[in-house]
Amino acid sequence: MKVVTNNSDTKYLLPFLVPTLVLALVLGITLLIIPKAELHLILCKHHTPFLDTLVPTFSNLVDWLPYLIVVLLLFYRAGWSTFLASNLLLSTIIVQSIKHIVEAPRPLTWFTENYPNISLPLVEGVSMKYWLSFPSGHTTTFFALFFCIAIILCSENIKGKYVFSCVCFLAATFGAYTRIYLSQHFALDIFAGILIAILSTLLLYYFLVLKTQNTRFWGWRMQKLRK
């Protein structure tokens, strides 16, 4: 069983990791330069009918897609399924713990309290939330999910690994942006979500993948159902 353990393999993750780190750096610097309200309005104001349809659908993918993939991976390798499931669990615990400690207002609540004369561009039919804004749980799940997928794909003997890593980065980034577009989160929430996802994924990759890759459990898989 082949896992990412050397430089020749980890290089395929660079199209995901490098842009993610650059994105986090740029976002962090931007947060220091541009005021909170101004930055949010800049990022969420460009609404179109097409995006108003696409964005809510894509944003809701993390409500079910990660768990479906966890189950499907059981038919391939239990190790990968455990890796993804553990990452989702760990990142969720971290995010929810911080959310309930900070209890930050969501953009709709914050603008109503501080700038009541400003109306945020909202998407019809989307159920808005008002509290527990920091950090963004959806962003954390998007980056944790697609980072795990990138790791899994880059560890297998397939072609187009650089392309897969790029696609995973773009999907995670768009997923994170949907939360700003919908005014469910501020850019700061997105920034924190990215950092939590990357750190939790790397931590579990080290302890769950590199430390257990040679065990019998790793290669176990569910048998396909037969008639």
Protein backbone atom coordinates (compact mmCIF):
# COMPACT_ATOMS: atom_id res chain seq x y z
CA MET A 1 0.00 0.00 0.00
CA LYS A 2 1.50 3.26 -1.13
CA VAL A 3 1.11 6.45 0.89
CA VAL A 4 2.68 9.88 0.54
CA THR A 5 5.95 9.49 2.44
CA ASN A 6 8.70 11.04 0.36
CA ASN A 7 9.53 14.25 -1.47
CA SER A 8 8.78 12.82 -4.90
CA ASP A 9 5.19 12.19 -3.77
CA THR A 10 4.59 15.23 -1.56
CA LYS A 11 5.50 17.52 -4.44
CA TYR A 12 2.10 16.70 -5.94
CA LEU A 13 0.46 18.39 -2.97
CA LEU A 14 2.21 21.70 -3.68
CA PRO A 15 -0.54 22.94 -6.06
CA PHE A 16 -2.88 22.71 -3.07
CA LEU A 17 -0.64 23.74 -0.20
CA VAL A 18 1.25 26.66 -1.76
CA PRO A 19 -1.84 28.54 -3.05
CA THR A 20 -3.59 27.85 0.27
CA LEU A 21 -0.72 29.37 2.25
CA VAL A 22 -0.57 32.32 -0.15
CA LEU A 23 -4.32 32.79 0.19
CA ALA A 24 -4.07 32.74 3.98
CA LEU A 25 -1.17 35.21 3.91
CA VAL A 26 -2.91 37.63 1.54
CA LEU A 27 -6.14 37.36 3.47
CA GLY A 28 -4.33 37.95 6.76
CA ILE A 29 -2.59 41.07 5.43
CA THR A 30 -5.84 42.33 3.91
CA LEU A 31 -7.60 41.95 7.25
CA LEU A 32 -4.98 44.21 8.82
CA ILE A 33 -5.32 46.89 6.14
CA ILE A 34 -9.01 47.07 5.24
CA PRO A 35 -11.71 47.66 7.90
CA LYS A 36 -14.05 44.77 8.63
CA ALA A 37 -17.21 46.33 7.19
CA GLU A 38 -15.56 47.68 4.06
CA LEU A 39 -13.85 44.38 3.26
CA HIS A 40 -17.06 42.41 3.64
CA LEU A 41 -18.96 44.75 1.33
CA ILE A 42 -16.20 44.55 -1.27
CA LEU A 43 -16.24 40.76 -1.24
CA CYS A 44 -19.99 40.15 -1.18
CA LYS A 45 -21.44 42.88 -3.39
CA HIS A 46 -21.02 41.28 -6.84
CA HIS A 47 -24.20 39.22 -7.08
CA THR A 48 -25.55 37.71 -10.29
CA PRO A 49 -28.58 35.47 -10.93
CA PHE A 50 -26.26 32.61 -11.90
CA LEU A 51 -24.21 32.86 -8.69
CA ASP A 52 -27.34 33.29 -6.60
CA THR A 53 -28.34 29.83 -7.81
CA LEU A 54 -24.92 28.15 -7.78
CA VAL A 55 -23.49 29.49 -4.51
CA PRO A 56 -26.13 28.17 -2.04
CA THR A 57 -26.04 24.74 -3.68
CA PHE A 58 -22.26 24.52 -3.57
CA SER A 59 -22.10 25.89 -0.04
CA ASN A 60 -24.46 23.17 1.18
CA LEU A 61 -22.28 20.37 -0.24
CA VAL A 62 -20.42 20.04 3.06
CA ASP A 63 -23.68 19.21 4.81
CA TRP A 64 -23.60 15.72 3.25
CA LEU A 65 -20.73 15.16 0.78
CA PRO A 66 -17.92 14.55 3.33
CA TYR A 67 -19.93 11.84 5.09
CA LEU A 68 -20.80 10.15 1.82
CA ILE A 69 -17.10 10.05 0.90
CA VAL A 70 -16.24 8.59 4.33
CA VAL A 71 -18.63 5.71 3.66
CA LEU A 72 -17.44 5.19 0.08
CA LEU A 73 -13.81 5.07 1.23
CA LEU A 74 -14.67 2.08 3.42
CA PHE A 75 -15.01 0.10 0.18
CA TYR A 76 -11.47 1.18 -0.80
CA ARG A 77 -9.32 1.44 2.33
CA ALA A 78 -10.43 1.79 5.93
CA GLY A 79 -7.34 3.84 6.68
CA TRP A 80 -8.35 6.64 4.34
CA SER A 81 -11.92 6.57 5.62
CA THR A 82 -10.68 6.85 9.19
CA PHE A 83 -8.33 9.66 8.22
CA LEU A 84 -11.12 11.74 6.69
CA ALA A 85 -13.67 10.93 9.41
CA SER A 86 -11.20 11.79 12.18
CA ASN A 87 -10.31 15.04 10.46
CA LEU A 88 -13.96 16.05 10.16
CA LEU A 89 -14.52 15.19 13.82
CA LEU A 90 -11.42 16.98 15.13
CA SER A 91 -11.96 20.14 13.08
CA THR A 92 -15.64 20.25 14.08
CA ILE A 93 -14.77 19.98 17.78
CA ILE A 94 -12.21 22.78 17.46
CA VAL A 95 -14.54 25.05 15.47
CA GLN A 96 -17.59 24.53 17.68
CA SER A 97 -15.56 25.04 20.85
CA ILE A 98 -14.22 28.37 19.60
CA LYS A 99 -17.64 29.43 18.28
CA HIS A 100 -19.32 28.98 21.65
CA ILE A 101 -16.48 30.67 23.53
CA VAL A 102 -16.31 33.73 21.26
CA GLU A 103 -20.04 33.94 20.35
CA ALA A 104 -19.32 36.41 17.54
CA PRO A 105 -22.24 37.99 15.63
CA ARG A 106 -22.79 37.03 12.00
CA PRO A 107 -22.58 39.76 9.33
CA LEU A 108 -26.35 40.34 9.28
CA THR A 109 -26.45 40.89 13.04
CA TRP A 110 -23.25 42.92 13.11
CA PHE A 111 -24.29 45.28 10.31
CA THR A 112 -27.73 45.74 11.84
CA GLU A 113 -26.14 46.80 15.12
CA ASN A 114 -23.32 48.94 13.71
CA TYR A 115 -24.51 50.11 10.28
CA PRO A 116 -28.32 49.89 10.24
CA ASN A 117 -28.46 52.04 7.09
CA ILE A 118 -26.56 49.41 5.05
CA SER A 119 -28.52 46.55 3.52
CA LEU A 120 -26.45 43.48 2.73
CA PRO A 121 -27.07 41.75 -0.62
CA LEU A 122 -28.82 38.55 0.36
CA VAL A 123 -29.89 35.54 -1.69
CA GLU A 124 -33.60 34.79 -1.64
CA GLY A 125 -34.48 31.50 0.01
CA VAL A 126 -31.28 31.20 2.05
CA SER A 127 -31.87 30.81 5.78
CA MET A 128 -29.66 33.36 7.52
CA LYS A 129 -27.83 32.79 10.80
CA TYR A 130 -27.20 35.49 13.36
CA TRP A 131 -24.57 34.32 15.84
CA LEU A 132 -21.58 31.97 16.27
CA SER A 133 -19.77 33.47 13.30
CA PHE A 134 -16.12 32.90 14.25
CA PRO A 135 -14.63 30.71 12.86
CA SER A 136 -16.40 29.46 9.73
CA GLY A 137 -17.30 25.80 10.10
CA HIS A 138 -18.16 25.42 6.42
CA THR A 139 -14.77 26.83 5.42
CA THR A 140 -12.99 24.46 7.79
CA THR A 141 -14.89 21.49 6.39
CA PHE A 142 -14.29 22.52 2.77
CA PHE A 143 -10.53 22.82 3.24
CA ALA A 144 -10.24 19.75 5.47
CA LEU A 145 -12.25 17.68 2.99
CA PHE A 146 -10.42 18.73 -0.17
CA PHE A 147 -7.00 18.63 1.47
CA CYS A 148 -7.73 15.03 2.48
CA ILE A 149 -8.92 14.24 -1.04
CA ALA A 150 -5.75 15.79 -2.49
CA ILE A 151 -3.61 13.68 -0.15
CA ILE A 152 -5.49 10.50 -1.04
CA LEU A 153 -5.34 11.11 -4.79
CA CYS A 154 -1.67 12.10 -4.72
CA SER A 155 -0.76 8.93 -2.85
CA GLU A 156 -2.24 6.68 -5.51
CA ASN A 157 -0.70 5.57 -8.78
CA ILE A 158 -2.79 7.79 -11.04
CA LYS A 159 -2.05 10.44 -13.65
CA GLY A 160 -2.83 14.13 -13.36
CA LYS A 161 -1.95 14.53 -9.69
CA TYR A 162 -1.00 18.20 -10.11
CA VAL A 163 -4.35 18.84 -11.78
CA PHE A 164 -6.26 17.08 -9.01
CA SER A 165 -4.45 19.16 -6.38
CA CYS A 166 -5.30 22.37 -8.23
CA VAL A 167 -8.95 21.36 -8.56
CA CYS A 168 -9.11 20.54 -4.84
CA PHE A 169 -7.69 23.96 -3.97
CA LEU A 170 -10.13 25.77 -6.26
CA ALA A 171 -13.09 23.81 -4.90
CA ALA A 172 -12.10 24.51 -1.28
CA THR A 173 -11.53 28.20 -2.00
CA PHE A 174 -14.83 28.64 -3.80
CA GLY A 175 -16.58 26.82 -0.96
CA ALA A 176 -15.04 29.24 1.52
CA TYR A 177 -16.00 32.25 -0.60
CA THR A 178 -19.63 31.13 -0.73
CA ARG A 179 -19.87 31.88 2.98
CA ILE A 180 -18.90 35.52 2.38
CA TYR A 181 -21.08 35.77 -0.72
CA LEU A 182 -24.08 34.64 1.34
CA SER A 183 -23.11 37.02 4.17
CA GLN A 184 -23.00 34.12 6.59
CA HIS A 185 -19.41 34.93 7.57
CA PHE A 186 -16.76 37.63 7.58
CA ALA A 187 -13.35 37.27 5.93
CA LEU A 188 -11.79 36.80 9.39
CA ASP A 189 -14.00 33.74 9.94
CA ILE A 190 -12.78 32.32 6.63
CA PHE A 191 -9.15 32.99 7.53
CA ALA A 192 -9.48 31.13 10.82
CA GLY A 193 -11.34 28.26 9.17
CA ILE A 194 -8.55 27.75 6.63
CA LEU A 195 -5.87 27.65 9.33
CA ILE A 196 -7.80 25.18 11.48
CA ALA A 197 -8.40 22.87 8.52
CA ILE A 198 -4.78 22.84 7.37
CA LEU A 199 -3.37 22.30 10.85
CA SER A 200 -5.84 19.55 11.78
CA THR A 201 -5.26 17.75 8.46
CA LEU A 202 -1.48 17.84 8.78
CA LEU A 203 -1.67 16.69 12.41
CA LEU A 204 -3.88 13.71 11.61
CA TYR A 205 -1.92 12.89 8.46
CA TYR A 206 1.18 12.49 10.60
CA PHE A 207 -0.44 10.43 13.38
CA LEU A 208 -3.06 8.45 11.46
CA VAL A 209 -1.47 7.94 8.05
CA LEU A 210 2.27 7.84 8.55
CA LYS A 211 2.01 5.96 11.86
CA THR A 212 -0.54 3.34 10.79
CA GLN A 213 0.10 2.77 7.09
CA ASN A 214 1.68 -0.65 7.62
CA THR A 215 -1.06 -2.08 9.84
CA ARG A 216 -3.55 -4.67 8.70
CA PHE A 217 -6.42 -2.31 9.52
CA TRP A 218 -5.24 0.22 6.97
CA GLY A 219 -5.88 -2.00 3.99
CA TRP A 220 -9.16 -3.45 5.26
CA ARG A 221 -12.18 -2.72 3.10
CA MET A 222 -15.87 -3.50 3.11
CA GLN A 223 -16.90 -6.22 0.70
CA LYS A 224 -19.16 -5.18 -2.13
CA LEU A 225 -22.72 -6.33 -1.78
CA ARG A 226 -23.59 -9.25 -4.00
CA LYS A 227 -26.97 -10.47 -5.10
